[in-house]
Each structure stands twice: as C-alpha cells, then as structure tokens.
C-alpha atoms as a PDB file:
ATOM      1  CA  UNK A   1       0.082   0.056   0.069  1.00  0.00           C
ATOM      2  CA  UNK A   2       1.177   3.559  -0.788  1.00  0.00           C
ATOM      3  CA  UNK A   3      -0.720   6.546   0.926  1.00  0.00           C
ATOM      4  CA  UNK A   4      -0.710   9.869  -0.808  1.00  0.00           C
ATOM      5  CA  UNK A   5      -1.532  13.313   0.374  1.00  0.00           C
ATOM      6  CA  UNK A   6      -1.527  16.287  -1.787  1.00  0.00           C
ATOM      7  CA  UNK A   7      -1.077  19.907  -0.474  1.00  0.00           C
ATOM      8  CA  UNK A   8      -0.801  23.465  -1.834  1.00  0.00           C
ATOM      9  CA  UNK A   9      -3.767  24.087  -3.662  1.00  0.00           C
ATOM     10  CA  UNK A  10      -5.788  27.482  -3.517  1.00  0.00           C
ATOM     11  CA  UNK A  11      -7.286  30.451  -5.375  1.00  0.00           C
ATOM     12  CA  UNK A  12      -5.268  32.604  -7.164  1.00  0.00           C
ATOM     13  CA  UNK A  13      -5.427  35.000 -10.315  1.00  0.00           C
ATOM     14  CA  UNK A  14      -4.315  34.375 -13.735  1.00  0.00           C
ATOM     15  CA  UNK A  15      -0.474  34.738 -14.256  1.00  0.00           C
ATOM     16  CA  UNK A  16       0.219  33.778 -10.853  1.00  0.00           C
ATOM     17  CA  UNK A  17       2.105  30.599  -9.557  1.00  0.00           C
ATOM     18  CA  UNK A  18       1.222  27.665  -7.234  1.00  0.00           C
ATOM     19  CA  UNK A  19       3.527  25.012  -5.789  1.00  0.00           C
ATOM     20  CA  UNK A  20       1.533  21.336  -5.322  1.00  0.00           C
ATOM     21  CA  UNK A  21       3.176  18.785  -2.877  1.00  0.00           C
ATOM     22  CA  UNK A  22       2.215  15.188  -2.888  1.00  0.00           C
ATOM     23  CA  UNK A  23       3.693  13.217   0.380  1.00  0.00           C
ATOM     24  CA  UNK A  24       4.100   9.550  -0.330  1.00  0.00           C
ATOM     25  CA  UNK A  25       4.260   6.905   2.520  1.00  0.00           C
ATOM     26  CA  UNK A  26       4.045   3.254   2.827  1.00  0.00           C
ATOM     27  CA  UNK A  27       5.766   1.024   0.281  1.00  0.00           C
ATOM     28  CA  UNK A  28       7.080   3.560  -1.726  1.00  0.00           C
ATOM     29  CA  UNK A  29      10.136   1.490  -2.959  1.00  0.00           C
ATOM     30  CA  UNK A  30       7.397  -0.089  -5.221  1.00  0.00           C
ATOM     31  CA  UNK A  31       6.671   2.909  -7.159  1.00  0.00           C
ATOM     32  CA  UNK A  32       7.671   3.237 -10.946  1.00  0.00           C
ATOM     33  CA  UNK A  33       5.982   6.499 -11.982  1.00  0.00           C
ATOM     34  CA  UNK A  34       4.738   9.363 -10.193  1.00  0.00           C
ATOM     35  CA  UNK A  35       1.824  11.198 -11.766  1.00  0.00           C
ATOM     36  CA  UNK A  36      -0.353  14.389 -11.671  1.00  0.00           C
ATOM     37  CA  UNK A  37      -3.817  14.434 -13.036  1.00  0.00           C
ATOM     38  CA  UNK A  38      -6.634  17.033 -12.632  1.00  0.00           C
ATOM     39  CA  UNK A  39     -10.411  16.890 -12.995  1.00  0.00           C
ATOM     40  CA  UNK A  40     -12.540  20.019 -13.718  1.00  0.00           C
ATOM     41  CA  UNK A  41     -16.309  20.157 -13.042  1.00  0.00           C
ATOM     42  CA  UNK A  42     -18.253  18.249 -15.745  1.00  0.00           C
ATOM     43  CA  UNK A  43     -15.091  16.867 -17.151  1.00  0.00           C
ATOM     44  CA  UNK A  44     -13.067  13.777 -17.398  1.00  0.00           C
ATOM     45  CA  UNK A  45     -10.046  13.342 -15.422  1.00  0.00           C
ATOM     46  CA  UNK A  46      -7.031  14.233 -17.360  1.00  0.00           C
ATOM     47  CA  UNK A  47      -3.435  13.475 -17.243  1.00  0.00           C
ATOM     48  CA  UNK A  48      -1.226  16.509 -16.559  1.00  0.00           C
ATOM     49  CA  UNK A  49       2.523  15.436 -15.845  1.00  0.00           C
ATOM     50  CA  UNK A  50       4.431  12.224 -14.682  1.00  0.00           C
ATOM     51  CA  UNK A  51       7.855  11.652 -13.557  1.00  0.00           C
ATOM     52  CA  UNK A  52       9.921   8.449 -12.936  1.00  0.00           C
ATOM     53  CA  UNK A  53      10.185   7.646  -9.316  1.00  0.00           C
ATOM     54  CA  UNK A  54      13.760   5.808  -9.670  1.00  0.00           C
ATOM     55  CA  UNK A  55      16.641   6.105 -12.149  1.00  0.00           C
ATOM     56  CA  UNK A  56      16.405   8.884 -14.671  1.00  0.00           C
ATOM     57  CA  UNK A  57      14.094  11.812 -13.847  1.00  0.00           C
ATOM     58  CA  UNK A  58      12.481  11.380 -17.335  1.00  0.00           C
ATOM     59  CA  UNK A  59       9.514  13.850 -17.188  1.00  0.00           C
ATOM     60  CA  UNK A  60       6.352  14.126 -19.585  1.00  0.00           C
ATOM     61  CA  UNK A  61       3.790  16.907 -19.799  1.00  0.00           C
ATOM     62  CA  UNK A  62       0.368  17.328 -21.425  1.00  0.00           C
ATOM     63  CA  UNK A  63       0.632  19.782 -24.050  1.00  0.00           C
ATOM     64  CA  UNK A  64      -1.949  22.169 -22.246  1.00  0.00           C
ATOM     65  CA  UNK A  65       0.670  22.712 -19.615  1.00  0.00           C
ATOM     66  CA  UNK A  66       3.963  22.148 -21.234  1.00  0.00           C
ATOM     67  CA  UNK A  67       6.140  25.215 -20.537  1.00  0.00           C
ATOM     68  CA  UNK A  68       4.247  26.256 -17.655  1.00  0.00           C
ATOM     69  CA  UNK A  69       4.187  23.278 -15.638  1.00  0.00           C
ATOM     70  CA  UNK A  70       7.383  21.352 -13.900  1.00  0.00           C
ATOM     71  CA  UNK A  71       7.155  18.237 -12.061  1.00  0.00           C
ATOM     72  CA  UNK A  72      10.042  17.299  -9.810  1.00  0.00           C
ATOM     73  CA  UNK A  73      10.857  14.628  -7.088  1.00  0.00           C
ATOM     74  CA  UNK A  74      12.889  14.462  -3.699  1.00  0.00           C
ATOM     75  CA  UNK A  75      13.228  10.930  -3.275  1.00  0.00           C
ATOM     76  CA  UNK A  76      14.831  11.269   0.248  1.00  0.00           C
ATOM     77  CA  UNK A  77      11.482  12.942   1.599  1.00  0.00           C
ATOM     78  CA  UNK A  78       9.440  10.756  -0.538  1.00  0.00           C
ATOM     79  CA  UNK A  79       7.833  13.953  -2.254  1.00  0.00           C
ATOM     80  CA  UNK A  80       6.506  14.931  -5.525  1.00  0.00           C
ATOM     81  CA  UNK A  81       6.143  18.433  -6.450  1.00  0.00           C
ATOM     82  CA  UNK A  82       4.197  20.415  -9.435  1.00  0.00           C
ATOM     83  CA  UNK A  83       5.478  24.160  -9.870  1.00  0.00           C
ATOM     84  CA  UNK A  84       2.584  25.604 -11.793  1.00  0.00           C
ATOM     85  CA  UNK A  85       3.383  29.155 -13.590  1.00  0.00           C
ATOM     86  CA  UNK A  86       1.515  31.319 -15.824  1.00  0.00           C
ATOM     87  CA  UNK A  87      -2.026  29.942 -14.492  1.00  0.00           C
ATOM     88  CA  UNK A  88      -4.890  30.148 -16.522  1.00  0.00           C
ATOM     89  CA  UNK A  89      -8.693  29.734 -15.507  1.00  0.00           C
ATOM     90  CA  UNK A  90      -8.970  26.822 -17.880  1.00  0.00           C
ATOM     91  CA  UNK A  91      -6.403  25.160 -15.099  1.00  0.00           C
ATOM     92  CA  UNK A  92      -8.872  25.374 -12.572  1.00  0.00           C
ATOM     93  CA  UNK A  93      -9.597  21.868 -11.570  1.00  0.00           C
ATOM     94  CA  UNK A  94      -8.945  19.357  -8.442  1.00  0.00           C
ATOM     95  CA  UNK A  95      -5.460  18.125  -8.869  1.00  0.00           C
ATOM     96  CA  UNK A  96      -4.520  14.306  -7.789  1.00  0.00           C
ATOM     97  CA  UNK A  97      -1.337  12.532  -7.249  1.00  0.00           C
ATOM     98  CA  UNK A  98      -1.005   9.091  -8.436  1.00  0.00           C
ATOM     99  CA  UNK A  99       1.520   6.348  -8.260  1.00  0.00           C
ATOM    100  CA  UNK A 100       2.018   3.564 -11.017  1.00  0.00           C
ATOM    101  CA  UNK A 101       3.509   0.601  -9.644  1.00  0.00           C
ATOM    102  CA  UNK A 102       3.729  -1.604 -12.614  1.00  0.00           C
ATOM    103  CA  UNK A 103       5.058   0.762 -15.722  1.00  0.00           C
ATOM    104  CA  UNK A 104       7.397   3.457 -16.405  1.00  0.00           C
ATOM    105  CA  UNK A 105       6.470   6.362 -18.472  1.00  0.00           C
ATOM    106  CA  UNK A 106       2.534   5.756 -18.220  1.00  0.00           C
ATOM    107  CA  UNK A 107       0.309   8.659 -18.804  1.00  0.00           C
ATOM    108  CA  UNK A 108      -2.942   6.336 -18.667  1.00  0.00           C
ATOM    109  CA  UNK A 109      -4.737   7.049 -15.348  1.00  0.00           C
ATOM    110  CA  UNK A 110      -6.158   3.533 -15.540  1.00  0.00           C
ATOM    111  CA  UNK A 111      -2.713   2.255 -15.155  1.00  0.00           C
ATOM    112  CA  UNK A 112      -2.229   4.186 -11.676  1.00  0.00           C
ATOM    113  CA  UNK A 113      -2.768   2.032  -8.657  1.00  0.00           C
ATOM    114  CA  UNK A 114      -3.013   4.802  -5.710  1.00  0.00           C
ATOM    115  CA  UNK A 115      -4.372   7.916  -5.698  1.00  0.00           C
ATOM    116  CA  UNK A 116      -4.468  11.060  -3.365  1.00  0.00           C
ATOM    117  CA  UNK A 117      -7.544  12.835  -2.066  1.00  0.00           C
ATOM    118  CA  UNK A 118      -6.985  15.937  -4.404  1.00  0.00           C
ATOM    119  CA  UNK A 119      -6.319  19.479  -3.954  1.00  0.00           C
ATOM    120  CA  UNK A 120      -8.583  22.155  -5.378  1.00  0.00           C
ATOM    121  CA  UNK A 121      -6.856  24.770  -7.537  1.00  0.00           C
ATOM    122  CA  UNK A 122      -8.810  27.784  -8.707  1.00  0.00           C
ATOM    123  CA  UNK A 123      -7.526  30.582 -10.949  1.00  0.00           C
ATOM    124  CA  UNK A 124      -9.878  33.631 -11.436  1.00  0.00           C
ATOM    125  CA  UNK A 125      -9.605  35.791 -14.467  1.00  0.00           C
END
C-alpha cells in the first residue's frame, strides 16, 4: 500500500503561480511512476505530468501545460511537486497525485494504482 497526500492548492489570479506537493508513505520502494492528474467540474480526469520515481528523472507533460508546469521529485523525502506558473482559468480543477507500480512512462490514469484525495486549484480571470 502507498498513501498519498496532496497539498498546496488554493485560489489565485490568472498569471500567478502555485506549487503543489504530494507526500508519499508506505511501500514507496514499489513505485515506478508518479503522476499528476486533474479533473475540472463536468469534465473527465486528464493527465497533467509524470516523472519516473527511480533512475532517470524523465518527465512528460500534457500539451496544455508544457512550458508552464514543472514536475519534480525528492526521493529522500518521498515527495513529488508540481510547480505551476502562468496559471490560466482553464487550469481550474481538483489536482490528484497518483502512483503507478507496474509501468514506467505511463500517462494512462487507468494504469495508476494509488491516488491521493486531491487538492483544489482555482484560477480567477
């Protein structure tokens, strides 16, 4: 089992920044990939960014956030971060941290095994 707790969400104006954090505990040695997903009201959950947990720090981003968001990790602290800059109203959503135990490089939410409770990000225009 892996437990995930997100924090750092809030209400900001367009153009501002937020940094989300995800604290992992439990069987963290079994993690392959850490990802961030988001779900806006009335919309399906979508992939935002992912990073490999061990080895190379290969990252991948959704086109909608590329160049504005940065995912990073601190293995010693079992933490994953999502730095979000130049936020737009369309970034408003609940953001979820998730762990995939079986595949590297996954961006398919269906392949992720553990999820946090989510943190709300609201961007006003």
